[in-house]
């Protein structure tokens, strides 16, 4: 089952809130300093977004585990991809006749 981009974005935001809140709670419990807690929380959000972006860009350069668009693990392709391939084959064959 596929997710809409809005759902994925909302999940990412809700996870960032949970993860940063956890970090901030730990900092406050360990230090009792509200200013330090806020600073760490701010840096946590900024740095983790930056590092995640760098991580994603790095993985985009790695082909391991990728399938061609429309391909499935069992080697078959979905109907939309089949139609596109058949259409391209038909167009290609009719232009060379």
N, C-alpha and C. Protein backbone atom coordinates (compact mmCIF):
# COMPACT_ATOMS: atom_id res chain seq x y z
N UNK A 1 0.84 -1.18 0.00
CA UNK A 1 0.00 0.00 0.00
C UNK A 1 0.89 1.25 0.00
N UNK A 2 0.51 2.22 -0.79
CA UNK A 2 1.28 3.45 -0.95
C UNK A 2 0.74 4.55 -0.03
N UNK A 3 1.62 5.45 0.37
CA UNK A 3 1.21 6.60 1.19
C UNK A 3 1.23 7.86 0.35
N UNK A 4 0.32 8.76 0.65
CA UNK A 4 0.38 10.08 0.03
C UNK A 4 1.53 10.85 0.65
N UNK A 5 2.07 11.80 -0.08
CA UNK A 5 3.19 12.61 0.42
C UNK A 5 2.80 13.36 1.69
N UNK A 6 1.54 13.82 1.75
CA UNK A 6 1.08 14.56 2.93
C UNK A 6 1.17 13.69 4.18
N UNK A 7 0.80 12.42 4.06
CA UNK A 7 0.86 11.51 5.20
C UNK A 7 2.31 11.31 5.65
N UNK A 8 3.20 11.10 4.68
CA UNK A 8 4.61 10.91 5.00
C UNK A 8 5.19 12.15 5.68
N UNK A 9 4.82 13.33 5.17
CA UNK A 9 5.31 14.58 5.76
C UNK A 9 4.79 14.74 7.19
N UNK A 10 3.52 14.45 7.41
CA UNK A 10 2.94 14.56 8.74
C UNK A 10 3.60 13.58 9.71
N UNK A 11 3.88 12.37 9.25
CA UNK A 11 4.57 11.38 10.09
C UNK A 11 5.97 11.86 10.44
N UNK A 12 6.67 12.45 9.48
CA UNK A 12 8.03 12.95 9.74
C UNK A 12 7.99 14.08 10.78
N UNK A 13 7.03 14.98 10.64
CA UNK A 13 6.91 16.09 11.59
C UNK A 13 6.55 15.57 12.98
N UNK A 14 5.59 14.65 13.05
CA UNK A 14 5.19 14.13 14.37
C UNK A 14 6.33 13.37 15.03
N UNK A 15 7.12 12.64 14.24
CA UNK A 15 8.27 11.93 14.80
C UNK A 15 9.31 12.93 15.30
N UNK A 16 9.57 13.99 14.53
CA UNK A 16 10.56 14.98 14.96
C UNK A 16 10.13 15.61 16.26
N UNK A 17 8.83 15.89 16.45
CA UNK A 17 8.33 16.46 17.70
C UNK A 17 8.57 15.49 18.86
N UNK A 18 8.25 14.22 18.66
CA UNK A 18 8.45 13.22 19.71
C UNK A 18 9.93 13.08 20.06
N UNK A 19 10.79 12.96 19.04
CA UNK A 19 12.21 12.75 19.27
C UNK A 19 12.86 13.96 19.95
N UNK A 20 12.54 15.16 19.49
CA UNK A 20 13.12 16.36 20.09
C UNK A 20 12.59 16.57 21.51
N UNK A 21 11.32 16.29 21.73
CA UNK A 21 10.75 16.41 23.08
C UNK A 21 11.46 15.46 24.04
N UNK A 22 11.74 14.24 23.58
CA UNK A 22 12.45 13.27 24.41
C UNK A 22 13.83 13.80 24.80
N UNK A 23 14.55 14.33 23.82
CA UNK A 23 15.88 14.90 24.08
C UNK A 23 15.78 16.05 25.08
N UNK A 24 14.82 16.93 24.87
CA UNK A 24 14.68 18.09 25.74
C UNK A 24 14.31 17.68 27.18
N UNK A 25 13.44 16.70 27.31
CA UNK A 25 13.07 16.21 28.64
C UNK A 25 14.29 15.65 29.36
N UNK A 26 15.08 14.86 28.63
CA UNK A 26 16.29 14.29 29.23
C UNK A 26 17.27 15.38 29.68
N UNK A 27 17.47 16.38 28.82
CA UNK A 27 18.38 17.47 29.17
C UNK A 27 17.87 18.20 30.41
N UNK A 28 16.57 18.49 30.46
CA UNK A 28 16.03 19.21 31.61
C UNK A 28 16.12 18.38 32.90
N UNK A 29 15.80 17.09 32.79
CA UNK A 29 15.87 16.23 33.97
C UNK A 29 17.30 16.13 34.48
N UNK A 30 18.26 16.04 33.58
CA UNK A 30 19.67 15.89 33.98
C UNK A 30 20.31 17.19 34.46
N UNK A 31 19.86 18.34 33.90
CA UNK A 31 20.52 19.60 34.25
C UNK A 31 19.64 20.57 35.01
N UNK A 32 18.33 20.51 34.79
CA UNK A 32 17.42 21.47 35.43
C UNK A 32 17.53 22.87 34.85
N UNK A 33 18.23 23.02 33.73
CA UNK A 33 18.45 24.34 33.13
C UNK A 33 17.55 24.51 31.90
N UNK A 34 16.59 25.40 32.01
CA UNK A 34 15.63 25.62 30.93
C UNK A 34 16.29 26.21 29.68
N UNK A 35 17.22 27.13 29.86
CA UNK A 35 17.89 27.76 28.71
C UNK A 35 18.71 26.72 27.94
N UNK A 36 19.43 25.88 28.65
CA UNK A 36 20.21 24.81 28.00
C UNK A 36 19.28 23.84 27.29
N UNK A 37 18.16 23.52 27.93
CA UNK A 37 17.18 22.62 27.32
C UNK A 37 16.67 23.16 26.00
N UNK A 38 16.34 24.45 25.95
CA UNK A 38 15.84 25.08 24.73
C UNK A 38 16.92 25.10 23.65
N UNK A 39 18.14 25.41 24.04
CA UNK A 39 19.25 25.46 23.08
C UNK A 39 19.50 24.08 22.47
N UNK A 40 19.54 23.07 23.32
CA UNK A 40 19.76 21.70 22.83
C UNK A 40 18.60 21.28 21.94
N UNK A 41 17.38 21.60 22.32
CA UNK A 41 16.21 21.27 21.49
C UNK A 41 16.29 21.91 20.11
N UNK A 42 16.66 23.18 20.06
CA UNK A 42 16.79 23.90 18.79
C UNK A 42 17.88 23.27 17.93
N UNK A 43 19.05 23.05 18.52
CA UNK A 43 20.15 22.45 17.77
C UNK A 43 19.81 21.03 17.32
N UNK A 44 19.09 20.30 18.15
CA UNK A 44 18.68 18.94 17.81
C UNK A 44 17.87 18.92 16.52
N UNK A 45 16.89 19.81 16.42
CA UNK A 45 16.05 19.87 15.22
C UNK A 45 16.87 20.24 13.99
N UNK A 46 17.64 21.32 14.09
CA UNK A 46 18.41 21.81 12.94
C UNK A 46 19.43 20.78 12.47
N UNK A 47 20.22 20.26 13.39
CA UNK A 47 21.29 19.33 13.00
C UNK A 47 20.75 18.00 12.48
N UNK A 48 19.69 17.51 13.09
CA UNK A 48 19.16 16.22 12.63
C UNK A 48 18.50 16.33 11.27
N UNK A 49 17.86 17.45 10.98
CA UNK A 49 17.31 17.65 9.64
C UNK A 49 18.45 17.73 8.62
N UNK A 50 19.49 18.48 8.95
CA UNK A 50 20.65 18.61 8.07
C UNK A 50 21.32 17.24 7.83
N UNK A 51 21.58 16.50 8.91
CA UNK A 51 22.23 15.20 8.77
C UNK A 51 21.35 14.21 8.03
N UNK A 52 20.04 14.28 8.24
CA UNK A 52 19.14 13.38 7.52
C UNK A 52 19.18 13.70 6.02
N UNK A 53 19.19 14.97 5.67
CA UNK A 53 19.26 15.37 4.27
C UNK A 53 20.55 14.84 3.63
N UNK A 54 21.68 15.01 4.32
CA UNK A 54 22.96 14.51 3.81
C UNK A 54 22.91 12.99 3.67
N UNK A 55 22.34 12.32 4.64
CA UNK A 55 22.19 10.87 4.62
C UNK A 55 21.36 10.42 3.41
N UNK A 56 20.23 11.08 3.18
CA UNK A 56 19.38 10.75 2.03
C UNK A 56 20.09 10.97 0.71
N UNK A 57 20.80 12.09 0.58
CA UNK A 57 21.52 12.38 -0.67
C UNK A 57 22.60 11.34 -0.92
N UNK A 58 23.26 10.90 0.14
CA UNK A 58 24.26 9.85 0.00
C UNK A 58 23.64 8.55 -0.47
N UNK A 59 22.51 8.17 0.12
CA UNK A 59 21.84 6.93 -0.30
C UNK A 59 21.32 7.02 -1.72
N UNK A 60 21.00 8.21 -2.21
CA UNK A 60 20.55 8.36 -3.60
C UNK A 60 21.64 7.99 -4.59
N UNK A 61 22.87 7.99 -4.17
CA UNK A 61 24.00 7.63 -5.05
C UNK A 61 24.28 6.12 -5.05
N UNK A 62 23.60 5.38 -4.18
CA UNK A 62 23.84 3.95 -4.05
C UNK A 62 22.71 3.19 -4.75
N UNK A 63 23.05 2.29 -5.64
CA UNK A 63 22.05 1.54 -6.40
C UNK A 63 21.53 0.31 -5.67
N UNK A 64 22.20 -0.12 -4.60
CA UNK A 64 21.83 -1.33 -3.88
C UNK A 64 20.36 -1.31 -3.49
N UNK A 65 19.64 -2.38 -3.82
CA UNK A 65 18.26 -2.56 -3.40
C UNK A 65 17.23 -1.78 -4.20
N UNK A 66 17.64 -1.13 -5.27
CA UNK A 66 16.68 -0.37 -6.07
C UNK A 66 16.09 -1.26 -7.16
N UNK A 67 14.84 -1.01 -7.47
CA UNK A 67 14.18 -1.68 -8.57
C UNK A 67 13.82 -0.62 -9.61
N UNK A 68 13.78 -0.99 -10.88
CA UNK A 68 13.35 -0.01 -11.88
C UNK A 68 11.92 0.44 -11.59
N UNK A 69 11.58 1.65 -11.97
CA UNK A 69 10.25 2.19 -11.73
C UNK A 69 9.20 1.24 -12.31
N UNK A 70 8.23 0.86 -11.50
CA UNK A 70 7.16 -0.03 -11.95
C UNK A 70 7.50 -1.50 -11.77
N UNK A 71 8.73 -1.83 -11.41
CA UNK A 71 9.11 -3.23 -11.24
C UNK A 71 8.70 -3.74 -9.87
N UNK A 72 8.56 -5.03 -9.77
CA UNK A 72 8.24 -5.67 -8.50
C UNK A 72 9.35 -6.64 -8.14
N UNK A 73 9.41 -7.02 -6.87
CA UNK A 73 10.45 -7.92 -6.41
C UNK A 73 10.44 -9.26 -7.15
N UNK A 74 9.26 -9.71 -7.55
CA UNK A 74 9.18 -11.01 -8.22
C UNK A 74 9.60 -10.93 -9.69
N UNK A 75 10.00 -9.74 -10.14
CA UNK A 75 10.46 -9.57 -11.52
C UNK A 75 9.37 -9.11 -12.47
N UNK A 76 8.10 -9.13 -12.04
CA UNK A 76 7.03 -8.67 -12.90
C UNK A 76 6.96 -7.14 -12.87
N UNK A 77 6.16 -6.59 -13.75
CA UNK A 77 5.97 -5.14 -13.76
C UNK A 77 4.48 -4.84 -13.66
N UNK A 78 4.14 -3.67 -13.16
CA UNK A 78 2.73 -3.34 -12.98
C UNK A 78 2.08 -3.00 -14.32
N UNK A 79 0.75 -2.97 -14.33
CA UNK A 79 -0.01 -2.77 -15.57
C UNK A 79 0.31 -1.44 -16.25
N UNK A 80 0.48 -0.39 -15.47
CA UNK A 80 0.77 0.92 -16.04
C UNK A 80 2.10 0.86 -16.81
N UNK A 81 3.09 0.22 -16.21
CA UNK A 81 4.39 0.08 -16.88
C UNK A 81 4.27 -0.80 -18.12
N UNK A 82 3.46 -1.87 -18.05
CA UNK A 82 3.24 -2.75 -19.20
C UNK A 82 2.65 -1.95 -20.36
N UNK A 83 1.62 -1.14 -20.06
CA UNK A 83 0.99 -0.33 -21.09
C UNK A 83 1.98 0.65 -21.72
N UNK A 84 2.80 1.28 -20.88
CA UNK A 84 3.78 2.24 -21.38
C UNK A 84 4.79 1.54 -22.29
N UNK A 85 5.24 0.36 -21.90
CA UNK A 85 6.20 -0.39 -22.72
C UNK A 85 5.57 -0.82 -24.03
N UNK A 86 4.33 -1.32 -23.96
CA UNK A 86 3.64 -1.73 -25.19
C UNK A 86 3.41 -0.54 -26.10
N UNK A 87 3.02 0.58 -25.53
CA UNK A 87 2.78 1.79 -26.30
C UNK A 87 4.07 2.25 -26.98
N UNK A 88 5.17 2.25 -26.24
CA UNK A 88 6.46 2.65 -26.82
C UNK A 88 6.89 1.69 -27.93
N UNK A 89 6.64 0.40 -27.73
CA UNK A 89 6.99 -0.60 -28.74
C UNK A 89 6.15 -0.37 -29.99
N UNK A 90 4.84 -0.10 -29.81
CA UNK A 90 3.94 0.15 -30.93
C UNK A 90 4.36 1.41 -31.69
N UNK A 91 4.64 2.49 -30.95
CA UNK A 91 5.05 3.74 -31.58
C UNK A 91 6.35 3.54 -32.33
N UNK A 92 7.28 2.84 -31.71
CA UNK A 92 8.59 2.60 -32.31
C UNK A 92 8.44 1.75 -33.57
N UNK A 93 7.61 0.72 -33.51
CA UNK A 93 7.42 -0.17 -34.67
C UNK A 93 6.69 0.56 -35.80
N UNK A 94 5.71 1.40 -35.48
CA UNK A 94 4.95 2.07 -36.52
C UNK A 94 5.76 3.20 -37.18
N UNK A 95 6.70 3.77 -36.49
CA UNK A 95 7.51 4.83 -37.11
C UNK A 95 8.62 4.27 -37.99
N UNK A 96 8.96 2.98 -37.81
CA UNK A 96 10.01 2.38 -38.62
C UNK A 96 9.44 1.62 -39.82
N UNK A 97 8.12 1.62 -39.99
CA UNK A 97 7.50 0.88 -41.09
C UNK A 97 7.49 1.68 -42.35
